Amino acid sequence: MFNKPRILFVDDDENLLKGLKRSLMSQRKEWEMDFCHEPLNALKVVGRFHYDVIVTDLRMPGMTGVELLQRVCLLSPNTARIILSGHV
């Protein structure tokens, strides 16, 4: 038995996260997924659990996606870090 990849999605827009969660439901047999709408809470979660991938929005209040991923790099350097943004 293999461990499913664990992915954390971070975005300050709770409705977007809910939609993402719904659209990815078909992947729940393949991936362990968590969703966080506050970057500081995401850091706490990363401190408690191992994530293979973190996907975050670029622009969030209080901490940008870049800042979040820089901190994640220090906490969990082997975690793949991705920014997903609708901003040009």
Protein backbone atom coordinates (compact mmCIF):
# COMPACT_ATOMS: atom_id res chain seq x y z
CA MET A 1 0.00 0.00 0.00
CA PHE A 2 1.33 3.41 -0.91
CA ASN A 3 0.77 6.71 0.83
CA LYS A 4 -1.36 9.11 -1.15
CA PRO A 5 0.28 12.44 -1.94
CA ARG A 6 -0.84 15.12 0.48
CA ILE A 7 -1.70 18.53 -0.97
CA LEU A 8 -2.52 21.80 0.80
CA PHE A 9 -4.48 24.48 -1.05
CA VAL A 10 -4.32 28.04 0.32
CA ASP A 11 -6.48 30.96 -0.78
CA ASP A 12 -8.14 33.79 1.15
CA ASP A 13 -11.31 33.38 -0.93
CA GLU A 14 -13.33 30.74 0.94
CA ASN A 15 -15.83 30.40 -1.93
CA LEU A 16 -13.01 29.65 -4.35
CA LEU A 17 -11.65 27.01 -1.97
CA LYS A 18 -15.09 25.43 -1.64
CA GLY A 19 -15.41 25.30 -5.42
CA LEU A 20 -11.95 23.83 -5.76
CA LYS A 21 -12.77 21.23 -3.13
CA ARG A 22 -15.94 20.25 -5.01
CA SER A 23 -14.17 20.07 -8.35
CA LEU A 24 -11.37 17.89 -6.92
CA MET A 25 -13.65 15.44 -5.08
CA SER A 26 -13.04 12.84 -7.77
CA GLN A 27 -9.35 12.84 -6.81
CA ARG A 28 -9.90 12.01 -3.13
CA LYS A 29 -8.96 8.36 -3.74
CA GLU A 30 -5.66 9.54 -5.22
CA TRP A 31 -4.77 12.53 -3.02
CA GLU A 32 -5.10 13.63 0.60
CA MET A 33 -6.23 17.25 0.37
CA ASP A 34 -6.50 20.03 2.91
CA PHE A 35 -7.78 23.56 2.33
CA CYS A 36 -6.81 26.67 4.27
CA HIS A 37 -8.10 30.22 3.80
CA GLU A 38 -5.50 32.01 5.93
CA PRO A 39 -1.75 31.93 5.22
CA LEU A 40 -0.82 31.97 8.93
CA ASN A 41 -3.04 28.95 9.58
CA ALA A 42 -1.44 27.24 6.59
CA LEU A 43 1.96 27.68 8.23
CA LYS A 44 0.66 26.09 11.42
CA VAL A 45 -0.70 23.13 9.45
CA VAL A 46 2.60 22.72 7.58
CA GLY A 47 4.34 22.65 10.95
CA ARG A 48 2.17 19.69 12.04
CA PHE A 49 1.84 17.62 8.87
CA HIS A 50 4.00 16.69 5.90
CA TYR A 51 2.74 17.97 2.55
CA ASP A 52 4.06 16.82 -0.78
CA VAL A 53 2.64 19.90 -2.54
CA ILE A 54 1.35 23.32 -1.51
CA VAL A 55 -0.71 25.34 -3.99
CA THR A 56 -1.39 28.94 -3.03
CA ASP A 57 -2.89 32.12 -4.39
CA LEU A 58 -0.47 34.94 -5.16
CA ARG A 59 -2.34 37.86 -3.60
CA MET A 60 -3.74 37.47 -0.11
CA PRO A 61 -4.12 39.99 2.71
CA GLY A 62 -1.45 39.90 5.37
CA MET A 63 0.95 37.63 3.48
CA THR A 64 1.49 37.09 -0.23
CA GLY A 65 1.74 33.65 -1.76
CA VAL A 66 5.44 34.28 -2.38
CA GLU A 67 6.02 35.08 1.30
CA LEU A 68 4.05 32.01 2.34
CA LEU A 69 6.05 29.72 0.09
CA GLN A 70 9.35 31.24 1.27
CA ARG A 71 8.38 30.34 4.85
CA VAL A 72 7.17 26.89 3.79
CA CYS A 73 10.56 26.33 2.16
CA LEU A 74 12.21 26.80 5.56
CA LEU A 75 9.72 24.54 7.37
CA SER A 76 9.47 21.84 4.72
CA PRO A 77 12.17 22.16 2.03
CA ASN A 78 11.12 18.98 0.20
CA THR A 79 7.57 20.20 -0.37
CA ALA A 80 6.79 21.27 -3.94
CA ARG A 81 5.51 24.84 -3.94
CA ILE A 82 3.13 26.21 -6.59
CA ILE A 83 1.47 29.60 -7.04
CA LEU A 84 -1.85 29.46 -8.84
CA SER A 85 -3.24 32.91 -9.61
CA GLY A 86 -5.73 34.58 -11.87
CA HIS A 87 -3.68 37.80 -11.75
CA VAL A 88 -1.60 38.72 -14.76
